[in-house]
Amino acid sequence: MMKNYHINVFYSEEDEGYIADIPALKFCSAWGATAEEAVREVEIAKSAWIEAAKASGKPIPEPKYRPAIYQLS
């Protein structure tokens, strides 16, 4: 199974749209008029985040498919 980063999606009254963020990648988030658009935009932001981290030699966290709160101990 291919691992990928967990994406949170929620509606923001303040922003009047959906916010998608990737908790594993600090400050990686995006806005969309629909939940689907927000996810598409955060995928673009994820690619840019990873490229910027590679270019500056910063560590890139390993993808974890499920956040810790959902994992069984």
Protein backbone atom coordinates (compact mmCIF):
# COMPACT_ATOMS: atom_id res chain seq x y z
CA MET A 1 0.00 0.00 0.00
CA MET A 2 1.31 3.42 -0.92
CA LYS A 3 1.69 5.71 2.07
CA ASN A 4 0.67 9.31 1.85
CA TYR A 5 0.32 12.25 4.18
CA HIS A 6 -2.86 12.62 6.22
CA ILE A 7 -4.95 15.60 5.06
CA ASN A 8 -7.44 17.38 7.30
CA VAL A 9 -10.31 19.18 5.58
CA PHE A 10 -12.72 21.50 7.35
CA TYR A 11 -15.08 24.35 6.58
CA SER A 12 -14.00 27.80 7.76
CA GLU A 13 -16.77 30.33 8.40
CA GLU A 14 -14.15 33.06 8.62
CA ASP A 15 -12.64 32.21 5.22
CA GLU A 16 -16.01 31.21 3.69
CA GLY A 17 -14.54 28.07 2.21
CA TYR A 18 -12.71 24.87 2.94
CA ILE A 19 -9.24 24.57 4.39
CA ALA A 20 -7.09 21.51 3.78
CA ASP A 21 -3.89 21.02 5.71
CA ILE A 22 -1.20 18.40 6.14
CA PRO A 23 -0.25 18.28 9.82
CA ALA A 24 3.03 16.43 9.16
CA LEU A 25 4.24 19.31 6.95
CA LYS A 26 4.37 22.45 9.09
CA PHE A 27 2.33 25.33 7.63
CA CYS A 28 1.28 23.31 4.57
CA SER A 29 -2.35 24.28 3.92
CA ALA A 30 -4.63 25.51 1.17
CA TRP A 31 -8.09 27.01 0.62
CA GLY A 32 -10.86 25.98 -1.76
CA ALA A 33 -14.48 26.88 -2.45
CA THR A 34 -15.26 23.16 -2.12
CA ALA A 35 -13.63 20.40 -0.09
CA GLU A 36 -12.41 18.78 -3.32
CA GLU A 37 -10.81 22.02 -4.51
CA ALA A 38 -9.07 22.47 -1.14
CA VAL A 39 -7.61 18.95 -1.39
CA ARG A 40 -6.43 19.60 -4.98
CA GLU A 41 -4.79 22.84 -3.86
CA VAL A 42 -3.10 21.28 -0.82
CA GLU A 43 -1.63 18.58 -3.10
CA ILE A 44 0.00 21.41 -5.11
CA ALA A 45 1.16 23.04 -1.86
CA LYS A 46 2.58 19.67 -0.70
CA SER A 47 4.71 19.37 -3.85
CA ALA A 48 5.99 22.93 -3.40
CA TRP A 49 6.69 22.30 0.32
CA ILE A 50 8.70 19.16 -0.44
CA GLU A 51 10.66 20.87 -3.26
CA ALA A 52 11.49 23.83 -0.99
CA ALA A 53 12.61 21.47 1.80
CA LYS A 54 14.83 19.51 -0.61
CA ALA A 55 16.33 22.72 -2.03
CA SER A 56 17.20 24.04 1.43
CA GLY A 57 18.37 20.68 2.81
CA LYS A 58 15.60 20.50 5.44
CA PRO A 59 14.30 17.11 6.59
CA ILE A 60 11.09 15.83 5.03
CA PRO A 61 8.89 13.85 7.44
CA GLU A 62 7.96 10.33 6.36
CA PRO A 63 4.33 10.02 5.28
CA LYS A 64 2.09 8.32 7.79
CA TYR A 65 -1.23 7.29 6.29
CA ARG A 66 -3.17 7.65 9.55
CA PRO A 67 -2.59 10.20 12.29
CA ALA A 68 -1.57 8.88 15.70
CA ILE A 69 -5.01 9.56 17.21
CA TYR A 70 -6.50 6.82 15.01
CA GLN A 71 -3.84 4.18 15.62
CA LEU A 72 -4.40 1.35 18.02
CA SER A 73 -1.82 0.82 20.73
